[in-house]
Amino acid sequence: MSTENVQGRGYQMSLPNPDLNPLNRLVGTWKVSGGAEGTVTYEWMEGKFFLIQHVDLKQYGNEVKGMEIIGHLQPFGEEPSKDIKSRYYDSMGNTFDYVYEMEGNLLTIWAGEKGSPACFKGTFSSDGNINTGAWVYPDGGGYESTMTRVK
């Protein structure tokens, strides 16, 4: 990773970790169907260190609106986290933490920490415009979810 000292600021400028590149597949607006219905939009924050997700869904009759910041955590003076982590903020004041992983066509999102029994696993179509999978919860619950790119 290339770094350059920024005088008088007490931090390092660096390049985004290349392990974020597979998340480019998420950039755009998606129609969500299944256990939650609506749209999500992903966009890179300037610098491409963080992916931002904007959420506008209905689930179980409730509006689910929020945003998620996805990338490597890097507390002041420390190295970036190994895992790609996120924090989701919703309009009801809740926050939820996740870990993202993309291996080939498989997107895995763990609730909490990597390896959690609560997770989403979804597979991208060959053209990358559909992701089909399911959220699974430790109590045996969950729901199917399909995202279809609309732009």
Protein backbone atom coordinates (compact mmCIF):
# COMPACT_ATOMS: atom_id res chain seq x y z
CA MET A 1 0.00 0.00 0.00
CA SER A 2 1.47 3.37 -0.99
CA THR A 3 1.60 6.00 1.75
CA GLU A 4 2.67 9.59 1.93
CA ASN A 5 3.05 11.59 5.14
CA VAL A 6 0.71 14.54 5.37
CA GLN A 7 2.61 17.28 7.22
CA GLY A 8 1.06 18.65 10.38
CA ARG A 9 -1.98 16.37 10.20
CA GLY A 10 -0.77 13.31 12.11
CA TYR A 11 -2.11 10.74 9.64
CA GLN A 12 -1.10 8.90 6.49
CA MET A 13 -2.69 9.14 3.08
CA SER A 14 -2.95 5.79 1.34
CA LEU A 15 -4.56 3.99 -1.56
CA PRO A 16 -7.71 1.90 -1.14
CA ASN A 17 -7.10 -1.76 -0.40
CA PRO A 18 -7.51 -3.76 -3.65
CA ASP A 19 -9.71 -6.30 -1.83
CA LEU A 20 -12.48 -3.66 -2.07
CA ASN A 21 -12.49 -3.90 -5.90
CA PRO A 22 -14.93 -6.86 -6.07
CA LEU A 23 -17.54 -4.62 -4.38
CA ASN A 24 -17.67 -2.62 -7.65
CA ARG A 25 -20.28 -5.21 -8.69
CA LEU A 26 -22.68 -3.63 -6.19
CA VAL A 27 -22.41 -0.07 -7.53
CA GLY A 28 -25.74 1.08 -8.94
CA THR A 29 -29.41 0.96 -8.02
CA TRP A 30 -31.09 -2.37 -7.34
CA LYS A 31 -34.72 -3.43 -7.01
CA VAL A 32 -35.04 -5.75 -4.02
CA SER A 33 -37.74 -8.44 -3.80
CA GLY A 34 -38.45 -11.31 -1.46
CA GLY A 35 -38.67 -10.83 2.31
CA ALA A 36 -37.96 -7.11 1.84
CA GLU A 37 -39.19 -4.99 -1.09
CA GLY A 38 -37.89 -1.68 -2.46
CA THR A 39 -34.58 -0.28 -3.66
CA VAL A 40 -31.00 -0.04 -2.52
CA THR A 41 -28.30 2.08 -4.12
CA TYR A 42 -24.55 1.60 -3.74
CA GLU A 43 -22.00 4.30 -4.56
CA TRP A 44 -18.33 4.86 -3.79
CA MET A 45 -17.41 7.67 -1.44
CA GLU A 46 -14.78 9.94 -2.97
CA GLY A 47 -11.42 8.18 -2.67
CA LYS A 48 -12.98 4.68 -3.02
CA PHE A 49 -12.10 3.67 0.55
CA PHE A 50 -15.78 3.24 1.45
CA LEU A 51 -18.89 2.04 -0.33
CA ILE A 52 -22.13 3.72 0.74
CA GLN A 53 -25.45 1.89 0.55
CA HIS A 54 -28.73 3.85 0.67
CA VAL A 55 -31.68 1.68 1.73
CA ASP A 56 -35.39 2.29 1.03
CA LEU A 57 -37.31 -0.93 1.73
CA LYS A 58 -40.52 -2.29 3.23
CA GLN A 59 -40.26 -5.39 5.36
CA TYR A 60 -43.06 -7.01 7.38
CA GLY A 61 -45.17 -3.89 6.73
CA ASN A 62 -42.53 -1.51 8.12
CA GLU A 63 -40.49 1.11 6.27
CA VAL A 64 -36.78 0.40 6.45
CA LYS A 65 -34.73 3.47 5.53
CA GLY A 66 -31.08 3.93 6.23
CA MET A 67 -27.52 4.00 5.01
CA GLU A 68 -24.54 1.75 5.40
CA ILE A 69 -20.83 2.57 5.19
CA ILE A 70 -18.74 -0.40 3.99
CA GLY A 71 -14.92 -0.61 4.05
CA HIS A 72 -11.93 -1.31 6.25
CA LEU A 73 -12.12 0.16 9.74
CA GLN A 74 -9.02 2.17 10.55
CA PRO A 75 -9.04 3.78 13.98
CA PHE A 76 -6.67 6.74 14.36
CA GLY A 77 -3.05 5.59 14.33
CA GLU A 78 -3.88 1.94 13.62
CA GLU A 79 -3.67 -0.34 10.62
CA PRO A 80 -6.84 -1.02 8.59
CA SER A 81 -8.98 -3.97 9.69
CA LYS A 82 -8.35 -7.26 7.90
CA ASP A 83 -12.05 -7.79 7.16
CA ILE A 84 -14.32 -5.49 5.16
CA LYS A 85 -16.70 -4.22 7.83
CA SER A 86 -19.73 -1.99 7.80
CA ARG A 87 -22.09 -0.12 10.03
CA TYR A 88 -25.71 0.37 9.02
CA TYR A 89 -27.68 3.33 10.41
CA ASP A 90 -31.47 3.43 10.12
CA SER A 91 -34.13 6.12 10.49
CA MET A 92 -35.31 4.54 13.77
CA GLY A 93 -31.92 5.16 15.45
CA ASN A 94 -30.62 1.59 15.19
CA THR A 95 -27.11 0.61 14.15
CA PHE A 96 -26.05 -2.81 12.90
CA ASP A 97 -22.55 -4.10 12.13
CA TYR A 98 -21.72 -6.47 9.27
CA VAL A 99 -18.73 -8.09 7.55
CA TYR A 100 -18.70 -8.32 3.73
CA GLU A 101 -16.91 -10.89 1.62
CA MET A 102 -17.00 -11.45 -2.13
CA GLU A 103 -15.57 -14.70 -3.51
CA GLY A 104 -16.17 -15.14 -7.22
CA ASN A 105 -19.93 -14.76 -7.76
CA LEU A 106 -20.80 -15.30 -4.07
CA LEU A 107 -21.54 -12.32 -1.82
CA THR A 108 -21.59 -13.15 1.90
CA ILE A 109 -22.66 -10.63 4.53
CA TRP A 110 -22.31 -11.71 8.15
CA ALA A 111 -24.31 -9.96 10.86
CA GLY A 112 -21.85 -8.92 13.57
CA GLU A 113 -18.58 -10.75 12.97
CA LYS A 114 -17.28 -13.01 10.21
CA GLY A 115 -18.55 -16.55 10.71
CA SER A 116 -21.74 -15.45 12.49
CA PRO A 117 -24.70 -17.85 12.14
CA ALA A 118 -26.78 -14.84 10.98
CA CYS A 119 -25.76 -14.12 7.41
CA PHE A 120 -26.77 -13.43 3.83
CA LYS A 121 -25.39 -15.52 0.98
CA GLY A 122 -26.27 -14.52 -2.56
CA THR A 123 -24.95 -15.45 -5.98
CA PHE A 124 -24.59 -13.04 -8.90
CA SER A 125 -25.89 -14.02 -12.33
CA SER A 126 -23.30 -14.41 -15.09
CA ASP A 127 -24.03 -10.86 -16.33
CA GLY A 128 -23.82 -9.44 -12.78
CA ASN A 129 -27.28 -7.85 -12.91
CA ILE A 130 -29.11 -10.20 -10.50
CA ASN A 131 -28.10 -11.41 -7.06
CA THR A 132 -30.22 -14.20 -5.60
CA GLY A 133 -29.83 -15.55 -2.10
CA ALA A 134 -31.21 -15.62 1.41
CA TRP A 135 -30.74 -14.24 4.90
CA VAL A 136 -30.41 -17.03 7.46
CA TYR A 137 -30.88 -16.50 11.21
CA PRO A 138 -29.63 -18.77 14.02
CA ASP A 139 -33.19 -19.52 15.19
CA GLY A 140 -33.92 -21.14 11.83
CA GLY A 141 -35.63 -18.05 10.42
CA GLY A 142 -34.69 -15.88 7.49
CA TYR A 143 -35.98 -14.96 4.07
CA GLU A 144 -35.13 -15.16 0.39
CA SER A 145 -33.95 -12.02 -1.35
CA THR A 146 -33.32 -11.08 -4.96
CA MET A 147 -31.65 -7.87 -6.13
CA THR A 148 -32.07 -6.85 -9.76
CA ARG A 149 -29.99 -3.99 -11.17
CA VAL A 150 -32.17 -1.16 -12.49
CA LYS A 151 -29.31 1.27 -13.27
